[in-house]
C-alpha atoms as a PDB file:
ATOM      1  CA  MET A   1       0.809 -29.537 -17.046  1.00  0.00           C
ATOM      2  CA  ARG A   2       3.462 -29.407 -14.320  1.00  0.00           C
ATOM      3  CA  ALA A   3       6.846 -29.085 -15.985  1.00  0.00           C
ATOM      4  CA  PRO A   4       9.938 -28.076 -13.912  1.00  0.00           C
ATOM      5  CA  VAL A   5      10.617 -25.237 -16.333  1.00  0.00           C
ATOM      6  CA  TYR A   6       7.137 -23.693 -16.151  1.00  0.00           C
ATOM      7  CA  ARG A   7       6.938 -20.430 -14.278  1.00  0.00           C
ATOM      8  CA  ASN A   8       3.631 -18.810 -13.499  1.00  0.00           C
ATOM      9  CA  LEU A   9       3.420 -15.086 -14.319  1.00  0.00           C
ATOM     10  CA  ASP A  10       1.747 -14.380 -10.961  1.00  0.00           C
ATOM     11  CA  SER A  11       4.489 -16.034  -8.910  1.00  0.00           C
ATOM     12  CA  ARG A  12       6.490 -13.874  -6.481  1.00  0.00           C
ATOM     13  CA  SER A  13      10.222 -13.420  -6.782  1.00  0.00           C
ATOM     14  CA  THR A  14      11.278 -13.202  -3.213  1.00  0.00           C
ATOM     15  CA  PHE A  15      14.693 -12.937  -1.545  1.00  0.00           C
ATOM     16  CA  LEU A  16      14.759 -13.664   2.218  1.00  0.00           C
ATOM     17  CA  GLY A  17      11.027 -13.406   2.358  1.00  0.00           C
ATOM     18  CA  LEU A  18      10.704  -9.904   0.887  1.00  0.00           C
ATOM     19  CA  VAL A  19       9.378  -9.271  -2.619  1.00  0.00           C
ATOM     20  CA  PHE A  20      12.196  -8.275  -4.836  1.00  0.00           C
ATOM     21  CA  PRO A  21      12.612  -5.422  -5.927  1.00  0.00           C
ATOM     22  CA  THR A  22       9.709  -3.395  -4.308  1.00  0.00           C
ATOM     23  CA  GLU A  23      10.107  -4.249  -0.692  1.00  0.00           C
ATOM     24  CA  TRP A  24      13.857  -4.546  -0.969  1.00  0.00           C
ATOM     25  CA  MET A  25      14.115  -0.996  -2.179  1.00  0.00           C
ATOM     26  CA  ALA A  26      13.187   0.305   1.278  1.00  0.00           C
ATOM     27  CA  VAL A  27      15.810  -1.906   2.958  1.00  0.00           C
ATOM     28  CA  LEU A  28      18.614  -1.215   0.567  1.00  0.00           C
ATOM     29  CA  GLY A  29      17.631   2.479   0.370  1.00  0.00           C
ATOM     30  CA  ALA A  30      18.098   2.821   4.165  1.00  0.00           C
ATOM     31  CA  GLY A  31      21.539   1.236   3.882  1.00  0.00           C
ATOM     32  CA  TRP A  32      22.543   3.398   0.981  1.00  0.00           C
ATOM     33  CA  LEU A  33      21.259   6.626   2.715  1.00  0.00           C
ATOM     34  CA  GLY A  34      23.231   5.770   5.853  1.00  0.00           C
ATOM     35  CA  THR A  35      26.411   5.211   3.845  1.00  0.00           C
ATOM     36  CA  ALA A  36      25.847   8.391   1.804  1.00  0.00           C
ATOM     37  CA  LEU A  37      25.493  10.399   5.044  1.00  0.00           C
ATOM     38  CA  GLY A  38      28.705   8.904   6.465  1.00  0.00           C
ATOM     39  CA  ALA A  39      27.003   6.583   9.024  1.00  0.00           C
ATOM     40  CA  PRO A  40      26.996   3.078   7.548  1.00  0.00           C
ATOM     41  CA  ASN A  41      26.314   1.387  10.895  1.00  0.00           C
ATOM     42  CA  ILE A  42      23.206   3.519  11.390  1.00  0.00           C
ATOM     43  CA  GLY A  43      22.117   2.770   7.799  1.00  0.00           C
ATOM     44  CA  ALA A  44      22.651  -0.917   8.357  1.00  0.00           C
ATOM     45  CA  ALA A  45      20.640  -0.834  11.633  1.00  0.00           C
ATOM     46  CA  ALA A  46      17.858   1.143   9.869  1.00  0.00           C
ATOM     47  CA  GLY A  47      17.862  -1.437   7.043  1.00  0.00           C
ATOM     48  CA  LEU A  48      17.627  -4.294   9.475  1.00  0.00           C
ATOM     49  CA  ALA A  49      14.820  -2.517  11.387  1.00  0.00           C
ATOM     50  CA  ILE A  50      12.850  -1.916   8.039  1.00  0.00           C
ATOM     51  CA  TYR A  51      13.412  -5.556   7.102  1.00  0.00           C
ATOM     52  CA  LEU A  52      11.970  -6.774  10.411  1.00  0.00           C
ATOM     53  CA  VAL A  53       9.047  -4.403  10.291  1.00  0.00           C
ATOM     54  CA  ILE A  54       8.085  -5.484   6.694  1.00  0.00           C
ATOM     55  CA  ARG A  55       8.446  -9.191   7.618  1.00  0.00           C
ATOM     56  CA  ILE A  56       6.331  -8.841  10.844  1.00  0.00           C
ATOM     57  CA  ALA A  57       3.717  -6.601   9.124  1.00  0.00           C
ATOM     58  CA  GLY A  58       3.329  -9.111   6.278  1.00  0.00           C
ATOM     59  CA  TYR A  59       3.193 -12.276   8.346  1.00  0.00           C
ATOM     60  CA  GLY A  60       0.093 -14.250   7.592  1.00  0.00           C
ATOM     61  CA  ARG A  61      -1.084 -11.785   4.970  1.00  0.00           C
ATOM     62  CA  PRO A  62      -1.888 -12.597   1.344  1.00  0.00           C
ATOM     63  CA  GLU A  63       0.586 -11.791  -1.453  1.00  0.00           C
ATOM     64  CA  GLY A  64       0.941  -8.192  -2.212  1.00  0.00           C
ATOM     65  CA  HIS A  65      -0.831  -7.025   0.951  1.00  0.00           C
ATOM     66  CA  LEU A  66       1.695  -4.387   1.845  1.00  0.00           C
ATOM     67  CA  GLN A  67       1.800  -2.912  -1.598  1.00  0.00           C
ATOM     68  CA  HIS A  68      -2.014  -2.746  -1.763  1.00  0.00           C
ATOM     69  CA  TRP A  69      -2.297  -1.263   1.754  1.00  0.00           C
ATOM     70  CA  VAL A  70       0.260   1.462   0.935  1.00  0.00           C
ATOM     71  CA  ALA A  71      -1.562   2.309  -2.317  1.00  0.00           C
ATOM     72  CA  TRP A  72      -4.915   2.399  -0.419  1.00  0.00           C
ATOM     73  CA  ARG A  73      -3.471   4.818   2.141  1.00  0.00           C
ATOM     74  CA  LEU A  74      -1.975   7.038  -0.506  1.00  0.00           C
ATOM     75  CA  ARG A  75      -5.242   7.175  -2.378  1.00  0.00           C
ATOM     76  CA  GLN A  76      -7.094   8.029   0.884  1.00  0.00           C
ATOM     77  CA  ARG A  77      -4.584  10.849   1.532  1.00  0.00           C
ATOM     78  CA  VAL A  78      -4.596  12.228  -1.981  1.00  0.00           C
ATOM     79  CA  ALA A  79      -8.498  12.092  -2.343  1.00  0.00           C
ATOM     80  CA  ALA A  80      -8.998  13.402   1.213  1.00  0.00           C
ATOM     81  CA  GLY A  81     -10.897  10.186   2.137  1.00  0.00           C
ATOM     82  CA  ARG A  82     -13.291  10.258  -0.844  1.00  0.00           C
ATOM     83  CA  LEU A  83     -12.340   7.135  -2.761  1.00  0.00           C
ATOM     84  CA  THR A  84     -15.343   6.641  -5.068  1.00  0.00           C
ATOM     85  CA  ALA A  85     -15.632   8.570  -8.228  1.00  0.00           C
ATOM     86  CA  ALA A  86     -19.123   9.964  -7.203  1.00  0.00           C
ATOM     87  CA  ALA A  87     -17.631  11.261  -3.911  1.00  0.00           C
ATOM     88  CA  ARG A  88     -14.722  12.874  -5.770  1.00  0.00           C
ATOM     89  CA  ALA A  89     -16.917  14.576  -8.466  1.00  0.00           C
ATOM     90  CA  PRO A  90     -16.778  18.336  -8.358  1.00  0.00           C
ATOM     91  CA  LEU A  91     -20.329  18.722  -9.404  1.00  0.00           C
ATOM     92  CA  PRO A  92     -22.985  20.282  -7.111  1.00  0.00           C
ATOM     93  CA  ARG A  93     -25.451  18.064  -5.460  1.00  0.00           C
ATOM     94  CA  PHE A  94     -29.065  17.913  -6.782  1.00  0.00           C
ATOM     95  CA  PRO A  95     -31.188  19.571  -3.969  1.00  0.00           C
ATOM     96  CA  PHE A  96     -34.682  18.404  -5.259  1.00  0.00           C
ATOM     97  CA  GLY A  97     -34.752  14.688  -4.496  1.00  0.00           C
ATOM     98  CA  PRO A  98     -33.837  12.045  -1.999  1.00  0.00           C
ATOM     99  CA  TYR A  99     -30.135  11.221  -1.753  1.00  0.00           C
ATOM    100  CA  ASP A 100     -28.856   7.764  -2.109  1.00  0.00           C
ATOM    101  CA  TRP A 101     -28.257   5.349   0.819  1.00  0.00           C
ATOM    102  CA  ARG A 102     -24.653   6.240   1.185  1.00  0.00           C
ATOM    103  CA  ASP A 103     -25.322   9.772   2.388  1.00  0.00           C
ATOM    104  CA  GLU A 104     -25.746  10.795   5.985  1.00  0.00           C
ATOM    105  CA  SER A 105     -29.343  11.086   7.279  1.00  0.00           C
ATOM    106  CA  SER A 106     -28.720  14.695   8.308  1.00  0.00           C
ATOM    107  CA  ARG A 107     -28.477  15.697   4.624  1.00  0.00           C
ATOM    108  CA  GLY A 108     -31.856  14.127   3.670  1.00  0.00           C
ATOM    109  CA  GLY A 109     -30.858  10.550   3.088  1.00  0.00           C
ATOM    110  CA  ARG A 110     -32.728   7.466   4.190  1.00  0.00           C
ATOM    111  CA  SER A 111     -32.437   6.483   7.792  1.00  0.00           C
END
């Protein structure tokens, strides 16, 4: 049913092309920081630069790409590149059998 009052829960609430409030927090935060430091013109320029970078980086990408990319990079940094649960496990490796396909061949895995 297509009623004019129907609003999908997955729809984006955007303002000037940026998702509100997550992407706008970076833009408004730069302006606020510049004003708090006594340089409102520098804060406005930084906010404009952040706005342009976010718009250019998100051009042609699916919805939520920037948020997912940032979360992916943070998880990589926190987990030191080991993103699977098996790779993050603190257990010792079993030395008496072949390793799975994901391991390097220098450690006894399949070639």
